[in-house]
Protein backbone atom coordinates (compact mmCIF):
# COMPACT_ATOMS: atom_id res chain seq x y z
CA MET A 1 13.96 10.08 7.80
CA PHE A 2 16.43 12.71 8.69
CA ASP A 3 16.14 14.05 12.13
CA PHE A 4 14.25 17.61 11.45
CA PHE A 5 13.99 18.05 14.89
CA LYS A 6 16.99 18.46 16.75
CA LYS A 7 19.18 21.86 17.23
CA HIS A 8 18.83 23.64 13.93
CA ASN A 9 16.57 21.60 12.14
CA GLN A 10 19.64 20.72 9.84
CA PRO A 11 19.85 19.32 7.20
CA LEU A 12 16.94 20.34 5.90
CA PHE A 13 18.05 20.51 2.34
CA GLU A 14 20.21 17.23 1.94
CA GLY A 15 20.31 15.76 -1.41
CA LEU A 16 17.97 18.49 -2.92
CA CYS A 17 18.28 20.30 -6.37
CA ASP A 18 17.79 23.86 -5.67
CA PHE A 19 16.14 24.74 -8.84
CA HIS A 20 14.84 28.42 -7.92
CA ASN A 21 18.23 30.73 -7.37
CA HIS A 22 20.23 33.66 -9.00
CA LEU A 23 23.74 31.95 -8.89
CA LEU A 24 24.61 32.85 -12.72
CA PRO A 25 26.77 36.15 -12.53
CA GLY A 26 26.45 39.28 -14.23
CA ILE A 27 22.88 39.13 -15.49
CA ASP A 28 20.43 39.85 -13.03
CA ASP A 29 19.83 40.92 -9.56
CA GLY A 30 21.65 37.75 -8.37
CA SER A 31 25.37 36.93 -8.18
CA LYS A 32 27.32 40.17 -8.98
CA HIS A 33 30.60 38.43 -10.24
CA VAL A 34 31.97 34.80 -10.29
CA ASP A 35 33.69 34.88 -7.40
CA MET A 36 30.39 35.41 -5.89
CA SER A 37 28.83 32.46 -7.47
CA LEU A 38 31.55 30.39 -6.15
CA ASN A 39 31.37 31.38 -2.61
CA MET A 40 27.73 30.51 -2.72
CA LEU A 41 28.38 27.03 -4.10
CA LYS A 42 30.55 26.69 -1.42
CA ALA A 43 27.72 27.42 0.91
CA TYR A 44 25.53 25.38 -1.02
CA GLN A 45 27.85 22.84 -0.39
CA ARG A 46 27.42 23.12 3.20
CA LEU A 47 24.00 23.05 3.38
CA GLY A 48 23.67 20.16 1.86
CA PHE A 49 22.15 20.37 -1.58
CA SER A 50 23.54 17.81 -4.22
CA SER A 51 22.91 20.12 -7.65
CA ILE A 52 21.74 23.64 -8.99
CA ILE A 53 19.72 24.77 -11.73
CA PRO A 54 20.14 28.57 -11.91
CA SER A 55 17.30 30.26 -12.88
CA PRO A 56 18.14 33.87 -13.54
CA HIS A 57 15.08 36.56 -14.62
CA ILE A 58 13.68 36.66 -17.99
CA TYR A 59 11.80 39.97 -17.49
CA GLN A 60 11.76 42.51 -20.50
CA GLU A 61 11.36 45.47 -18.42
CA LEU A 62 14.69 45.18 -16.23
CA TYR A 63 16.53 42.11 -17.07
CA PRO A 64 15.75 41.29 -20.63
CA ASN A 65 17.77 37.88 -20.79
CA THR A 66 17.80 35.42 -23.76
CA PRO A 67 18.84 31.92 -24.00
CA GLU A 68 21.96 33.00 -25.33
CA THR A 69 22.87 35.74 -22.63
CA ILE A 70 22.11 32.79 -20.01
CA LYS A 71 24.20 30.47 -21.79
CA LYS A 72 27.11 32.67 -22.05
CA SER A 73 27.04 33.11 -18.18
CA PHE A 74 26.77 29.78 -17.36
CA GLN A 75 29.49 28.88 -19.42
CA GLU A 76 31.90 31.75 -17.85
CA LEU A 77 30.73 29.98 -14.47
CA THR A 78 31.49 26.29 -15.22
CA LYS A 79 34.73 27.14 -16.56
CA ALA A 80 35.80 29.30 -13.61
CA ASN A 81 34.42 26.13 -11.12
CA HIS A 82 37.21 24.31 -10.07
CA LEU A 83 36.02 23.30 -6.75
CA ASP A 84 35.58 19.95 -5.18
CA ASN A 85 32.70 18.34 -3.89
CA VAL A 86 30.33 21.14 -4.15
CA PRO A 87 26.33 20.87 -5.91
CA VAL A 88 26.78 19.67 -9.82
CA ILE A 89 25.46 22.29 -11.97
CA HIS A 90 23.50 20.17 -13.95
CA SER A 91 21.94 23.12 -16.19
CA TYR A 92 20.20 26.05 -16.09
CA SER A 93 16.55 27.43 -16.68
CA ALA A 94 14.78 30.85 -16.10
CA GLU A 95 12.28 32.50 -13.74
CA TYR A 96 10.02 33.98 -16.21
CA MET A 97 7.98 37.23 -15.46
CA VAL A 98 4.30 36.38 -16.60
CA ASP A 99 3.83 39.87 -18.34
CA GLU A 100 2.22 40.88 -21.80
CA SER A 101 5.13 40.13 -23.19
CA PHE A 102 5.53 36.55 -22.12
CA ILE A 103 2.02 36.00 -23.04
CA ARG A 104 2.60 37.35 -26.48
CA ASN A 105 5.58 34.89 -26.98
CA LEU A 106 3.92 31.95 -25.41
CA GLU A 107 1.05 32.42 -27.96
CA ASN A 108 3.45 32.20 -30.88
CA SER A 109 6.08 29.66 -29.33
CA ILE A 110 7.15 27.07 -26.85
CA PRO A 111 9.63 28.69 -23.76
CA LYS A 112 13.16 27.30 -24.06
CA LEU A 113 14.41 27.52 -20.63
CA LEU A 114 12.47 24.87 -18.91
CA LEU A 115 13.16 22.65 -16.19
CA PHE A 116 13.35 18.86 -17.20
CA LYS A 117 11.96 19.61 -20.49
CA LYS A 118 8.77 19.76 -18.78
CA TYR A 119 8.00 22.54 -15.91
CA ILE A 120 8.17 26.04 -16.27
CA LEU A 121 9.00 28.78 -13.23
CA LEU A 122 7.07 31.66 -13.23
CA GLU A 123 6.48 34.99 -11.14
CA ILE A 124 4.26 37.50 -11.43
CA HIS A 125 4.85 41.49 -10.14
CA ILE A 126 4.55 41.50 -6.27
CA PHE A 127 1.66 44.09 -6.69
CA GLY A 128 -0.04 42.28 -9.60
CA ASN A 129 -2.98 40.46 -10.24
CA THR A 130 -3.64 36.68 -11.80
CA GLN A 131 -4.98 37.29 -14.61
CA HIS A 132 -1.48 36.92 -16.66
CA LEU A 133 -1.51 33.87 -14.84
CA GLU A 134 -4.94 32.49 -15.82
CA ARG A 135 -4.24 32.97 -19.17
CA ALA A 136 -0.49 31.71 -19.04
CA CYS A 137 -1.60 28.64 -17.37
CA PHE A 138 -4.21 28.13 -20.31
CA GLU A 139 -1.19 28.21 -22.77
CA LEU A 140 0.97 26.04 -21.09
CA SER A 141 -1.72 23.38 -20.81
CA GLN A 142 -2.30 23.47 -24.30
CA LYS A 143 1.78 22.83 -24.43
CA GLU A 144 2.09 19.96 -21.63
CA ILE A 145 3.99 22.32 -19.88
CA VAL A 146 3.55 21.95 -15.92
CA PRO A 147 3.64 26.09 -14.16
CA ILE A 148 5.71 26.19 -11.05
CA LEU A 149 4.74 29.38 -9.14
CA ALA A 150 7.53 30.93 -7.25
CA HIS A 151 7.03 32.31 -3.70
CA PRO A 152 3.33 32.41 -4.30
CA GLU A 153 3.50 33.72 -0.31
CA ARG A 154 5.20 36.76 -1.68
CA TYR A 155 2.14 38.25 -4.05
CA HIS A 156 -0.67 40.72 -2.55
CA CYS A 157 -3.07 39.21 -4.56
CA LEU A 158 -3.28 36.02 -2.99
CA GLU A 159 -4.47 36.00 0.17
CA THR A 160 -7.15 33.44 0.86
CA ILE A 161 -6.45 29.42 1.16
CA ALA A 162 -9.32 29.42 -1.51
CA GLN A 163 -7.32 31.54 -4.02
CA PHE A 164 -4.27 29.06 -3.80
CA LYS A 165 -6.42 26.00 -4.12
CA THR A 166 -7.94 27.33 -7.23
CA LEU A 167 -4.34 28.03 -8.73
CA LYS A 168 -3.35 24.31 -7.53
CA GLN A 169 -6.37 22.86 -9.15
CA LYS A 170 -5.69 24.86 -12.94
CA GLY A 171 -2.36 22.97 -12.56
CA PHE A 172 0.06 24.92 -10.58
CA TYR A 173 2.78 23.62 -8.54
CA LEU A 174 3.63 26.07 -5.66
CA GLN A 175 7.46 26.75 -4.93
CA LEU A 176 8.22 28.25 -0.97
CA ASN A 177 11.01 30.12 -0.59
CA ALA A 178 12.77 28.59 2.37
CA LEU A 179 13.57 32.48 3.50
CA SER A 180 9.99 33.32 3.69
CA LEU A 181 9.87 31.32 6.81
CA MET A 182 12.59 33.36 8.34
CA GLY A 183 10.88 36.63 8.09
CA HIS A 184 13.23 37.72 5.12
CA TYR A 185 10.69 39.25 3.08
CA GLY A 186 8.83 40.72 5.95
CA PRO A 187 6.35 39.59 9.03
CA GLU A 188 3.36 39.47 6.85
CA VAL A 189 4.61 37.12 4.34
CA LYS A 190 6.45 34.83 6.77
CA GLN A 191 2.62 34.59 8.41
CA LYS A 192 1.54 33.23 4.83
CA ALA A 193 4.16 30.93 4.29
CA GLN A 194 3.75 29.38 7.45
CA LEU A 195 0.01 29.40 6.75
CA LEU A 196 0.51 27.59 3.59
CA LEU A 197 3.03 25.05 4.89
CA LYS A 198 0.68 24.39 7.84
CA SER A 199 -2.16 23.49 4.96
CA GLY A 200 -0.02 21.59 3.09
CA LEU A 201 -0.15 23.43 -0.25
CA TYR A 202 3.22 23.79 -1.15
CA ASP A 203 4.47 21.12 -3.74
CA LEU A 204 8.23 22.69 -3.85
CA LEU A 205 10.51 24.09 -2.28
CA ALA A 206 13.79 26.28 -2.90
CA THR A 207 16.17 28.99 -1.82
CA ASP A 208 15.90 31.98 -4.27
CA ALA A 209 19.21 32.86 -3.30
CA HIS A 210 20.75 36.05 -4.81
CA ASN A 211 24.01 35.89 -2.58
CA THR A 212 26.06 34.26 -0.18
CA GLN A 213 24.56 35.80 2.73
CA ASN A 214 20.94 34.51 1.67
CA LEU A 215 22.23 30.81 1.95
CA GLU A 216 24.23 31.69 5.02
CA GLN A 217 20.67 32.60 6.73
CA LEU A 218 19.32 29.43 5.64
CA PHE A 219 21.81 27.48 8.39
CA SER A 220 19.46 28.99 10.83
CA LEU A 221 16.33 27.88 9.85
CA GLN A 222 14.39 25.94 12.24
CA LEU A 223 10.96 24.33 11.93
CA SER A 224 8.53 22.79 14.58
CA LYS A 225 7.57 19.33 14.67
CA LYS A 226 4.58 19.98 12.70
CA GLN A 227 6.49 22.10 9.96
CA GLY A 228 8.81 19.47 9.80
CA LEU A 229 6.71 17.05 8.92
CA GLN A 230 5.23 19.12 6.21
CA TRP A 231 8.81 20.16 4.97
CA GLU A 232 9.75 16.35 5.14
CA ALA A 233 6.84 15.52 2.46
CA ILE A 234 7.68 18.38 0.10
CA ARG A 235 11.51 17.19 0.35
CA ASP A 236 10.46 13.55 -0.83
CA PHE A 237 7.94 14.74 -3.56
CA GLN A 238 10.77 16.89 -4.96
CA LEU A 239 13.15 14.54 -4.65
CA ASP A 240 10.88 12.12 -6.68
CA LEU A 241 9.98 14.52 -8.95
CA PHE A 242 13.39 16.19 -9.94
CA ARG A 243 15.55 12.84 -10.24
CA VAL A 244 19.12 14.41 -11.72
C-alpha cells in the first residue's frame, strides 16, 4: 500500500495507465506540437505513470478526427520520441462526443477506437442532457461495449447522487478528472467531484491533460485520509481492469 498521506500525497499515480488525455500533437485542443507532447511525457514520468493511451476528441463540429488522422499524429509522436524512461505509449483511442452524429454512426457500426477492445470513452456537452447517453448506452450494450463517462462531475445536467447511480446501473463507468479535485474547473465542479469521491461512485481516474501545465498542477494534489482511501480503491480497480 502506498503512503497516500505523507506530505504532497504522492505518488498518487504510480503504475497507472492514463487513458484520458490529449497528448497527441496538433489534432485537437490538446498538445500543439511534438515538442509539447515530449515535455508532457517527461511530466508523466515524474508523476509515476507507467503507460499512456492518448484519447483525442472525435467531435464533428470542432474536431472531426478519424482513425486515420489520429493514427498519423500517433506515428508522428512515436517516431520523434527518443526519451528514456518515460511512460510507454501503448496505443491510442478517442474521446467520443455523444451527439446525433455519434448515435447515427453507432446504429450502423462499431466504433473503431476502443480501449482494450472493450471500453469506449464518452463525453457530452457540458450544458447538454442525458438523452443521448441513454440511447448510446443501449446501442453499446447490444455490441458488448462498456461505456466510460469522462469527467461526470463537469456536466450541469448531472447534479444528484441518484442520477449518477442510475447511470452506473445502466452500465456506465464513471471517470474522475484528477484536476477537478484541485478546483481547475471551478469550485462547483470541485465540490461535486469531492462528493462523488466520498460516495464511492467513481470507478476510474485520469488526467485529461491538455498540456504540460495541467500535469505540473497534479504534483500539488493533496487528499484527506478518507479521500486517499477512496482513491486507492479506484487505483486498485483500474490497475486490475487495464493490465498493459
